[in-house]
Amino acid sequence: TLDHNLDLLGNLGLFQGLGCPLLLGVSRKS
């Protein structure tokens, strides 16, 4: 949902704990 997306975008640093390059795909999305 929108809230899910905003929560993820606001907390991307969390996923650096997985130790992998992080790809973000937000281009023109709804």
PDB file of all heavy atoms in Angstrom:
ATOM      1  N   THR A   1       0.844  -1.183   0.000  1.00  0.00           N
ATOM      2  CA  THR A   1       0.000   0.000   0.000  1.00  0.00           C
ATOM      3  C   THR A   1       0.887   1.242   0.000  1.00  0.00           C
ATOM      4  O   THR A   1       2.120   1.154   0.108  1.00  0.00           O
ATOM      5  CB  THR A   1      -0.894   0.029   1.249  1.00  0.00           C
ATOM      6  OG1 THR A   1      -0.051   0.165   2.406  1.00  0.00           O
ATOM      7  CG2 THR A   1      -1.722  -1.249   1.367  1.00  0.00           C
ATOM      8  N   LEU A   2       0.274   2.410  -0.073  1.00  0.00           N
ATOM      9  CA  LEU A   2       1.041   3.652  -0.006  1.00  0.00           C
ATOM     10  C   LEU A   2       1.824   3.722   1.304  1.00  0.00           C
ATOM     11  O   LEU A   2       3.016   4.068   1.308  1.00  0.00           O
ATOM     12  CB  LEU A   2       0.112   4.857  -0.123  1.00  0.00           C
ATOM     13  CG  LEU A   2       0.780   6.230   0.098  1.00  0.00           C
ATOM     14  CD1 LEU A   2       1.882   6.482  -0.923  1.00  0.00           C
ATOM     15  CD2 LEU A   2      -0.264   7.343   0.055  1.00  0.00           C
ATOM     16  N   ASP A   3       1.189   3.406   2.423  1.00  0.00           N
ATOM     17  CA  ASP A   3       1.884   3.463   3.706  1.00  0.00           C
ATOM     18  C   ASP A   3       3.060   2.501   3.742  1.00  0.00           C
ATOM     19  O   ASP A   3       4.119   2.816   4.287  1.00  0.00           O
ATOM     20  CB  ASP A   3       0.918   3.156   4.852  1.00  0.00           C
ATOM     21  CG  ASP A   3      -0.048   4.303   5.122  1.00  0.00           C
ATOM     22  OD1 ASP A   3       0.230   5.438   4.670  1.00  0.00           O
ATOM     23  OD2 ASP A   3      -1.081   4.068   5.779  1.00  0.00           O
ATOM     24  N   HIS A   4       2.877   1.310   3.183  1.00  0.00           N
ATOM     25  CA  HIS A   4       3.987   0.358   3.116  1.00  0.00           C
ATOM     26  C   HIS A   4       5.159   0.940   2.329  1.00  0.00           C
ATOM     27  O   HIS A   4       6.327   0.862   2.749  1.00  0.00           O
ATOM     28  CB  HIS A   4       3.534  -0.947   2.445  1.00  0.00           C
ATOM     29  CG  HIS A   4       2.514  -1.712   3.214  1.00  0.00           C
ATOM     30  ND1 HIS A   4       1.549  -2.493   2.613  1.00  0.00           N
ATOM     31  CD2 HIS A   4       2.289  -1.816   4.550  1.00  0.00           C
ATOM     32  CE1 HIS A   4       0.805  -3.065   3.527  1.00  0.00           C
ATOM     33  NE2 HIS A   4       1.218  -2.659   4.721  1.00  0.00           N
ATOM     34  N   ASN A   5       4.856   1.508   1.161  1.00  0.00           N
ATOM     35  CA  ASN A   5       5.903   2.073   0.311  1.00  0.00           C
ATOM     36  C   ASN A   5       6.656   3.201   1.011  1.00  0.00           C
ATOM     37  O   ASN A   5       7.887   3.267   0.964  1.00  0.00           O
ATOM     38  CB  ASN A   5       5.305   2.587  -1.004  1.00  0.00           C
ATOM     39  CG  ASN A   5       4.844   1.476  -1.915  1.00  0.00           C
ATOM     40  OD1 ASN A   5       5.468   0.418  -2.000  1.00  0.00           O
ATOM     41  ND2 ASN A   5       3.735   1.696  -2.605  1.00  0.00           N
ATOM     42  N   LEU A   6       5.914   4.094   1.659  1.00  0.00           N
ATOM     43  CA  LEU A   6       6.556   5.223   2.339  1.00  0.00           C
ATOM     44  C   LEU A   6       7.388   4.750   3.519  1.00  0.00           C
ATOM     45  O   LEU A   6       8.467   5.299   3.799  1.00  0.00           O
ATOM     46  CB  LEU A   6       5.495   6.229   2.781  1.00  0.00           C
ATOM     47  CG  LEU A   6       4.717   6.917   1.649  1.00  0.00           C
ATOM     48  CD1 LEU A   6       3.680   7.872   2.224  1.00  0.00           C
ATOM     49  CD2 LEU A   6       5.646   7.644   0.691  1.00  0.00           C
ATOM     50  N   ASP A   7       6.915   3.733   4.218  1.00  0.00           N
ATOM     51  CA  ASP A   7       7.672   3.187   5.340  1.00  0.00           C
ATOM     52  C   ASP A   7       8.992   2.589   4.858  1.00  0.00           C
ATOM     53  O   ASP A   7      10.054   2.794   5.463  1.00  0.00           O
ATOM     54  CB  ASP A   7       6.836   2.124   6.057  1.00  0.00           C
ATOM     55  CG  ASP A   7       7.199   1.977   7.528  1.00  0.00           C
ATOM     56  OD1 ASP A   7       8.056   2.745   8.011  1.00  0.00           O
ATOM     57  OD2 ASP A   7       6.623   1.105   8.196  1.00  0.00           O
ATOM     58  N   LEU A   8       8.952   1.880   3.766  1.00  0.00           N
ATOM     59  CA  LEU A   8      10.168   1.291   3.197  1.00  0.00           C
ATOM     60  C   LEU A   8      11.135   2.372   2.722  1.00  0.00           C
ATOM     61  O   LEU A   8      12.342   2.317   3.005  1.00  0.00           O
ATOM     62  CB  LEU A   8       9.812   0.354   2.041  1.00  0.00           C
ATOM     63  CG  LEU A   8       9.123  -0.956   2.435  1.00  0.00           C
ATOM     64  CD1 LEU A   8       8.524  -1.626   1.208  1.00  0.00           C
ATOM     65  CD2 LEU A   8      10.102  -1.900   3.125  1.00  0.00           C
ATOM     66  N   LEU A   9      10.622   3.376   2.014  1.00  0.00           N
ATOM     67  CA  LEU A   9      11.478   4.451   1.515  1.00  0.00           C
ATOM     68  C   LEU A   9      12.121   5.234   2.650  1.00  0.00           C
ATOM     69  O   LEU A   9      13.255   5.702   2.522  1.00  0.00           O
ATOM     70  CB  LEU A   9      10.663   5.403   0.631  1.00  0.00           C
ATOM     71  CG  LEU A   9      10.389   4.927  -0.793  1.00  0.00           C
ATOM     72  CD1 LEU A   9       9.379   5.844  -1.478  1.00  0.00           C
ATOM     73  CD2 LEU A   9      11.679   4.878  -1.603  1.00  0.00           C
ATOM     74  N   GLY A  10      11.418   5.370   3.741  1.00  0.00           N
ATOM     75  CA  GLY A  10      11.955   6.130   4.863  1.00  0.00           C
ATOM     76  C   GLY A  10      12.914   5.350   5.745  1.00  0.00           C
ATOM     77  O   GLY A  10      13.539   5.929   6.637  1.00  0.00           O
ATOM     78  N   ASN A  11      13.051   4.057   5.493  1.00  0.00           N
ATOM     79  CA  ASN A  11      13.882   3.211   6.360  1.00  0.00           C
ATOM     80  C   ASN A  11      14.778   2.273   5.557  1.00  0.00           C
ATOM     81  O   ASN A  11      15.055   1.146   5.975  1.00  0.00           O
ATOM     82  CB  ASN A  11      12.987   2.396   7.295  1.00  0.00           C
ATOM     83  CG  ASN A  11      12.232   3.261   8.284  1.00  0.00           C
ATOM     84  OD1 ASN A  11      12.762   3.660   9.312  1.00  0.00           O
ATOM     85  ND2 ASN A  11      10.982   3.576   7.970  1.00  0.00           N
ATOM     86  N   LEU A  12      15.257   2.738   4.408  1.00  0.00           N
ATOM     87  CA  LEU A  12      16.066   1.884   3.536  1.00  0.00           C
ATOM     88  C   LEU A  12      17.342   1.402   4.208  1.00  0.00           C
ATOM     89  O   LEU A  12      17.840   0.314   3.913  1.00  0.00           O
ATOM     90  CB  LEU A  12      16.421   2.634   2.244  1.00  0.00           C
ATOM     91  CG  LEU A  12      15.275   2.891   1.270  1.00  0.00           C
ATOM     92  CD1 LEU A  12      15.752   3.796   0.140  1.00  0.00           C
ATOM     93  CD2 LEU A  12      14.737   1.578   0.714  1.00  0.00           C
ATOM     94  N   GLY A  13      17.879   2.213   5.111  1.00  0.00           N
ATOM     95  CA  GLY A  13      19.125   1.833   5.761  1.00  0.00           C
ATOM     96  C   GLY A  13      19.037   0.507   6.488  1.00  0.00           C
ATOM     97  O   GLY A  13      20.046  -0.199   6.635  1.00  0.00           O
ATOM     98  N   LEU A  14      17.849   0.138   6.944  1.00  0.00           N
ATOM     99  CA  LEU A  14      17.664  -1.141   7.622  1.00  0.00           C
ATOM    100  C   LEU A  14      18.195  -2.296   6.785  1.00  0.00           C
ATOM    101  O   LEU A  14      18.837  -3.223   7.291  1.00  0.00           O
ATOM    102  CB  LEU A  14      16.172  -1.343   7.911  1.00  0.00           C
ATOM    103  CG  LEU A  14      15.753  -2.727   8.419  1.00  0.00           C
ATOM    104  CD1 LEU A  14      16.158  -2.889   9.873  1.00  0.00           C
ATOM    105  CD2 LEU A  14      14.247  -2.926   8.252  1.00  0.00           C
ATOM    106  N   PHE A  15      17.945  -2.240   5.469  1.00  0.00           N
ATOM    107  CA  PHE A  15      18.266  -3.358   4.585  1.00  0.00           C
ATOM    108  C   PHE A  15      19.768  -3.486   4.303  1.00  0.00           C
ATOM    109  O   PHE A  15      20.208  -4.501   3.773  1.00  0.00           O
ATOM    110  CB  PHE A  15      17.471  -3.238   3.290  1.00  0.00           C
ATOM    111  CG  PHE A  15      15.984  -3.298   3.523  1.00  0.00           C
ATOM    112  CD1 PHE A  15      15.238  -2.133   3.629  1.00  0.00           C
ATOM    113  CD2 PHE A  15      15.341  -4.513   3.693  1.00  0.00           C
ATOM    114  CE1 PHE A  15      13.881  -2.183   3.881  1.00  0.00           C
ATOM    115  CE2 PHE A  15      13.988  -4.573   3.952  1.00  0.00           C
ATOM    116  CZ  PHE A  15      13.251  -3.402   4.049  1.00  0.00           C
ATOM    117  N   GLN A  16      20.542  -2.462   4.702  1.00  0.00           N
ATOM    118  CA  GLN A  16      21.992  -2.596   4.565  1.00  0.00           C
ATOM    119  C   GLN A  16      22.527  -3.664   5.507  1.00  0.00           C
ATOM    120  O   GLN A  16      23.640  -4.178   5.315  1.00  0.00           O
ATOM    121  CB  GLN A  16      22.677  -1.254   4.837  1.00  0.00           C
ATOM    122  CG  GLN A  16      22.337  -0.152   3.842  1.00  0.00           C
ATOM    123  CD  GLN A  16      22.835  -0.453   2.435  1.00  0.00           C
ATOM    124  OE1 GLN A  16      23.628  -1.354   2.221  1.00  0.00           O
ATOM    125  NE2 GLN A  16      22.377   0.325   1.465  1.00  0.00           N
ATOM    126  N   GLY A  17      21.753  -4.019   6.523  1.00  0.00           N
ATOM    127  CA  GLY A  17      22.164  -5.076   7.428  1.00  0.00           C
ATOM    128  C   GLY A  17      22.240  -6.438   6.766  1.00  0.00           C
ATOM    129  O   GLY A  17      22.783  -7.381   7.350  1.00  0.00           O
ATOM    130  N   LEU A  18      21.708  -6.568   5.547  1.00  0.00           N
ATOM    131  CA  LEU A  18      21.792  -7.828   4.816  1.00  0.00           C
ATOM    132  C   LEU A  18      23.119  -7.978   4.090  1.00  0.00           C
ATOM    133  O   LEU A  18      23.445  -9.066   3.602  1.00  0.00           O
ATOM    134  CB  LEU A  18      20.628  -7.936   3.825  1.00  0.00           C
ATOM    135  CG  LEU A  18      19.249  -8.081   4.468  1.00  0.00           C
ATOM    136  CD1 LEU A  18      18.145  -7.909   3.436  1.00  0.00           C
ATOM    137  CD2 LEU A  18      19.115  -9.433   5.170  1.00  0.00           C
ATOM    138  N   GLY A  19      23.882  -6.885   3.994  1.00  0.00           N
ATOM    139  CA  GLY A  19      25.215  -6.967   3.424  1.00  0.00           C
ATOM    140  C   GLY A  19      25.270  -7.076   1.918  1.00  0.00           C
ATOM    141  O   GLY A  19      26.279  -7.536   1.367  1.00  0.00           O
ATOM    142  N   CYS A  20      24.220  -6.658   1.237  1.00  0.00           N
ATOM    143  CA  CYS A  20      24.158  -6.740  -0.228  1.00  0.00           C
ATOM    144  C   CYS A  20      23.982  -5.343  -0.816  1.00  0.00           C
ATOM    145  O   CYS A  20      23.431  -4.455  -0.163  1.00  0.00           O
ATOM    146  CB  CYS A  20      22.967  -7.585  -0.666  1.00  0.00           C
ATOM    147  SG  CYS A  20      22.995  -9.295  -0.106  1.00  0.00           S
ATOM    148  N   PRO A  21      24.414  -5.133  -2.071  1.00  0.00           N
ATOM    149  CA  PRO A  21      24.031  -3.891  -2.740  1.00  0.00           C
ATOM    150  C   PRO A  21      22.511  -3.751  -2.739  1.00  0.00           C
ATOM    151  O   PRO A  21      21.789  -4.749  -2.870  1.00  0.00           O
ATOM    152  CB  PRO A  21      24.578  -4.070  -4.160  1.00  0.00           C
ATOM    153  CG  PRO A  21      25.665  -5.072  -4.035  1.00  0.00           C
ATOM    154  CD  PRO A  21      25.234  -6.010  -2.931  1.00  0.00           C
ATOM    155  N   LEU A  22      22.041  -2.525  -2.589  1.00  0.00           N
ATOM    156  CA  LEU A  22      20.603  -2.257  -2.502  1.00  0.00           C
ATOM    157  C   LEU A  22      20.151  -1.526  -3.758  1.00  0.00           C
ATOM    158  O   LEU A  22      20.670  -0.455  -4.087  1.00  0.00           O
ATOM    159  CB  LEU A  22      20.311  -1.415  -1.264  1.00  0.00           C
ATOM    160  CG  LEU A  22      18.882  -0.920  -1.070  1.00  0.00           C
ATOM    161  CD1 LEU A  22      17.925  -2.090  -0.927  1.00  0.00           C
ATOM    162  CD2 LEU A  22      18.792  -0.014   0.150  1.00  0.00           C
ATOM    163  N   LEU A  23      19.191  -2.115  -4.463  1.00  0.00           N
ATOM    164  CA  LEU A  23      18.601  -1.495  -5.649  1.00  0.00           C
ATOM    165  C   LEU A  23      17.281  -0.861  -5.270  1.00  0.00           C
ATOM    166  O   LEU A  23      16.477  -1.462  -4.551  1.00  0.00           O
ATOM    167  CB  LEU A  23      18.402  -2.534  -6.755  1.00  0.00           C
ATOM    168  CG  LEU A  23      17.873  -2.027  -8.100  1.00  0.00           C
ATOM    169  CD1 LEU A  23      18.419  -2.892  -9.248  1.00  0.00           C
ATOM    170  CD2 LEU A  23      16.345  -2.014  -8.173  1.00  0.00           C
ATOM    171  N   LEU A  24      17.050   0.346  -5.770  1.00  0.00           N
ATOM    172  CA  LEU A  24      15.799   1.052  -5.522  1.00  0.00           C
ATOM    173  C   LEU A  24      15.125   1.374  -6.849  1.00  0.00           C
ATOM    174  O   LEU A  24      15.712   2.025  -7.716  1.00  0.00           O
ATOM    175  CB  LEU A  24      16.067   2.346  -4.748  1.00  0.00           C
ATOM    176  CG  LEU A  24      14.833   3.165  -4.360  1.00  0.00           C
ATOM    177  CD1 LEU A  24      13.933   2.381  -3.422  1.00  0.00           C
ATOM    178  CD2 LEU A  24      15.243   4.484  -3.714  1.00  0.00           C
ATOM    179  N   GLY A  25      13.894   0.901  -6.995  1.00  0.00           N
ATOM    180  CA  GLY A  25      13.110   1.189  -8.190  1.00  0.00           C
ATOM    181  C   GLY A  25      11.881   2.001  -7.836  1.00  0.00           C
ATOM    182  O   GLY A  25      10.892   1.451  -7.336  1.00  0.00           O
ATOM    183  N   VAL A  26      11.946   3.303  -8.069  1.00  0.00           N
ATOM    184  CA  VAL A  26      10.823   4.184  -7.725  1.00  0.00           C
ATOM    185  C   VAL A  26      10.332   4.981  -8.928  1.00  0.00           C
ATOM    186  O   VAL A  26       9.370   5.739  -8.825  1.00  0.00           O
ATOM    187  CB  VAL A  26      11.229   5.174  -6.602  1.00  0.00           C
ATOM    188  CG1 VAL A  26      11.416   4.443  -5.282  1.00  0.00           C
ATOM    189  CG2 VAL A  26      12.502   5.931  -6.970  1.00  0.00           C
ATOM    190  N   SER A  27      10.959   4.803 -10.063  1.00  0.00           N
ATOM    191  CA  SER A  27      10.740   5.674 -11.214  1.00  0.00           C
ATOM    192  C   SER A  27       9.295   5.688 -11.690  1.00  0.00           C
ATOM    193  O   SER A  27       8.747   4.647 -12.092  1.00  0.00           O
ATOM    194  CB  SER A  27      11.659   5.219 -12.352  1.00  0.00           C
ATOM    195  OG  SER A  27      11.560   6.083 -13.459  1.00  0.00           O
ATOM    196  N   ARG A  28       8.665   6.859 -11.623  1.00  0.00           N
ATOM    197  CA  ARG A  28       7.328   7.119 -12.152  1.00  0.00           C
ATOM    198  C   ARG A  28       6.239   6.251 -11.523  1.00  0.00           C
ATOM    199  O   ARG A  28       5.138   6.110 -12.073  1.00  0.00           O
ATOM    200  CB  ARG A  28       7.287   6.938 -13.670  1.00  0.00           C
ATOM    201  CG  ARG A  28       8.293   7.760 -14.460  1.00  0.00           C
ATOM    202  CD  ARG A  28       8.170   7.492 -15.941  1.00  0.00           C
ATOM    203  NE  ARG A  28       9.182   8.175 -16.741  1.00  0.00           N
ATOM    204  CZ  ARG A  28       9.329   8.012 -18.059  1.00  0.00           C
ATOM    205  NH1 ARG A  28       8.519   7.209 -18.710  1.00  0.00           N
ATOM    206  NH2 ARG A  28      10.285   8.657 -18.704  1.00  0.00           N
ATOM    207  N   LYS A  29       6.484   5.653 -10.377  1.00  0.00           N
ATOM    208  CA  LYS A  29       5.537   4.697  -9.819  1.00  0.00           C
ATOM    209  C   LYS A  29       4.318   5.383  -9.218  1.00  0.00           C
ATOM    210  O   LYS A  29       4.321   6.569  -8.921  1.00  0.00           O
ATOM    211  CB  LYS A  29       6.235   3.791  -8.801  1.00  0.00           C
ATOM    212  CG  LYS A  29       7.160   2.780  -9.483  1.00  0.00           C
ATOM    213  CD  LYS A  29       7.649   1.699  -8.550  1.00  0.00           C
ATOM    214  CE  LYS A  29       8.420   0.632  -9.330  1.00  0.00           C
ATOM    215  NZ  LYS A  29       8.960  -0.427  -8.445  1.00  0.00           N
ATOM    216  N   SER A  30       3.281   4.573  -9.004  1.00  0.00           N
ATOM    217  CA  SER A  30       1.972   5.124  -8.643  1.00  0.00           C
ATOM    218  C   SER A  30       1.941   5.717  -7.240  1.00  0.00           C
ATOM    219  O   SER A  30       1.025   6.482  -6.929  1.00  0.00           O
ATOM    220  CB  SER A  30       0.901   4.048  -8.773  1.00  0.00           C
ATOM    221  OG  SER A  30       1.148   2.977  -7.878  1.00  0.00           O
TER     222      SER A  30
END
